[in-house]
Amino acid sequence: MKDEYDKYYDSDESNLDSKSDARVILFLIIVAVIAMTYWVAVQ
């Protein structure tokens, strides 16, 4: 498992970049769900 992990993330820096990218995407998904919920509720 560690070998496969190292294949995709060459360094700790790129690993941290991927974690921050994942957090941004998660935040955008949450905002989109809230916006859709609000839009449906207002209809």
N, C-alpha and C. Protein backbone atom coordinates (compact mmCIF):
# COMPACT_ATOMS: atom_id res chain seq x y z
N MET A 1 0.85 -1.21 0.00
CA MET A 1 0.00 0.00 0.00
C MET A 1 0.88 1.25 0.00
N LYS A 2 1.93 1.23 0.79
CA LYS A 2 2.83 2.39 0.86
C LYS A 2 3.48 2.66 -0.50
N ASP A 3 3.83 1.61 -1.23
CA ASP A 3 4.45 1.79 -2.55
C ASP A 3 3.48 2.46 -3.51
N GLU A 4 2.22 2.04 -3.49
CA GLU A 4 1.22 2.67 -4.36
C GLU A 4 1.02 4.13 -3.97
N TYR A 5 1.04 4.40 -2.68
CA TYR A 5 0.88 5.77 -2.19
C TYR A 5 2.02 6.64 -2.68
N ASP A 6 3.25 6.13 -2.58
CA ASP A 6 4.42 6.89 -3.01
C ASP A 6 4.42 7.12 -4.52
N LYS A 7 3.82 6.21 -5.25
CA LYS A 7 3.78 6.36 -6.70
C LYS A 7 2.98 7.60 -7.09
N TYR A 8 1.92 7.90 -6.35
CA TYR A 8 1.06 9.03 -6.68
C TYR A 8 1.51 10.33 -6.02
N TYR A 9 2.12 10.24 -4.87
CA TYR A 9 2.57 11.43 -4.14
C TYR A 9 4.07 11.33 -3.93
N ASP A 10 4.83 12.06 -4.76
CA ASP A 10 6.27 11.93 -4.73
C ASP A 10 6.89 12.56 -3.49
N SER A 11 6.24 13.58 -2.95
CA SER A 11 6.83 14.27 -1.80
C SER A 11 5.74 14.66 -0.81
N ASP A 12 6.16 15.05 0.37
CA ASP A 12 5.21 15.52 1.38
C ASP A 12 4.51 16.79 0.91
N GLU A 13 5.23 17.62 0.17
CA GLU A 13 4.64 18.87 -0.30
C GLU A 13 3.47 18.61 -1.26
N SER A 14 3.67 17.69 -2.19
CA SER A 14 2.57 17.38 -3.12
C SER A 14 1.43 16.68 -2.39
N ASN A 15 1.76 15.93 -1.35
CA ASN A 15 0.72 15.29 -0.54
C ASN A 15 -0.12 16.35 0.16
N LEU A 16 0.52 17.36 0.72
CA LEU A 16 -0.23 18.43 1.39
C LEU A 16 -1.05 19.23 0.40
N ASP A 17 -0.52 19.45 -0.80
CA ASP A 17 -1.28 20.14 -1.84
C ASP A 17 -2.54 19.36 -2.19
N SER A 18 -2.42 18.06 -2.27
CA SER A 18 -3.58 17.24 -2.59
C SER A 18 -4.61 17.28 -1.47
N LYS A 19 -4.15 17.30 -0.23
CA LYS A 19 -5.08 17.39 0.90
C LYS A 19 -5.82 18.72 0.87
N SER A 20 -5.12 19.81 0.58
CA SER A 20 -5.79 21.11 0.55
C SER A 20 -6.74 21.19 -0.63
N ASP A 21 -6.36 20.58 -1.77
CA ASP A 21 -7.27 20.54 -2.91
C ASP A 21 -8.54 19.77 -2.56
N ALA A 22 -8.38 18.67 -1.85
CA ALA A 22 -9.54 17.88 -1.45
C ALA A 22 -10.45 18.66 -0.52
N ARG A 23 -9.87 19.45 0.38
CA ARG A 23 -10.68 20.27 1.29
C ARG A 23 -11.45 21.33 0.53
N VAL A 24 -10.81 21.94 -0.47
CA VAL A 24 -11.48 22.96 -1.28
C VAL A 24 -12.64 22.34 -2.04
N ILE A 25 -12.42 21.17 -2.63
CA ILE A 25 -13.48 20.50 -3.38
C ILE A 25 -14.63 20.13 -2.45
N LEU A 26 -14.31 19.60 -1.27
CA LEU A 26 -15.34 19.25 -0.30
C LEU A 26 -16.15 20.48 0.09
N PHE A 27 -15.48 21.60 0.33
CA PHE A 27 -16.16 22.84 0.67
C PHE A 27 -17.09 23.28 -0.46
N LEU A 28 -16.63 23.20 -1.70
CA LEU A 28 -17.46 23.59 -2.83
C LEU A 28 -18.68 22.69 -2.97
N ILE A 29 -18.51 21.40 -2.72
CA ILE A 29 -19.64 20.47 -2.79
C ILE A 29 -20.66 20.81 -1.71
N ILE A 30 -20.19 21.10 -0.50
CA ILE A 30 -21.10 21.46 0.59
C ILE A 30 -21.87 22.73 0.25
N VAL A 31 -21.17 23.73 -0.28
CA VAL A 31 -21.83 24.98 -0.66
C VAL A 31 -22.86 24.72 -1.76
N ALA A 32 -22.53 23.88 -2.73
CA ALA A 32 -23.46 23.56 -3.81
C ALA A 32 -24.71 22.86 -3.28
N VAL A 33 -24.54 21.94 -2.35
CA VAL A 33 -25.69 21.22 -1.77
C VAL A 33 -26.57 22.19 -0.99
N ILE A 34 -25.97 23.08 -0.22
CA ILE A 34 -26.75 24.07 0.53
C ILE A 34 -27.51 24.98 -0.44
N ALA A 35 -26.84 25.42 -1.50
CA ALA A 35 -27.48 26.30 -2.47
C ALA A 35 -28.64 25.60 -3.16
N MET A 36 -28.45 24.34 -3.55
CA MET A 36 -29.54 23.59 -4.20
C MET A 36 -30.71 23.38 -3.24
N THR A 37 -30.39 23.08 -1.99
CA THR A 37 -31.45 22.89 -1.00
C THR A 37 -32.25 24.18 -0.82
N TYR A 38 -31.56 25.28 -0.72
CA TYR A 38 -32.24 26.58 -0.58
C TYR A 38 -33.09 26.88 -1.82
N TRP A 39 -32.55 26.64 -3.00
CA TRP A 39 -33.26 26.91 -4.25
C TRP A 39 -34.54 26.07 -4.35
N VAL A 40 -34.44 24.80 -3.97
CA VAL A 40 -35.62 23.93 -4.01
C VAL A 40 -36.65 24.38 -2.97
N ALA A 41 -36.19 24.80 -1.81
CA ALA A 41 -37.11 25.22 -0.74
C ALA A 41 -37.85 26.49 -1.11
N VAL A 42 -37.22 27.38 -1.88
CA VAL A 42 -37.84 28.64 -2.23
C VAL A 42 -38.89 28.46 -3.34
N GLN A 43 -38.74 27.42 -4.13
CA GLN A 43 -39.66 27.20 -5.26
C GLN A 43 -41.09 26.99 -4.79
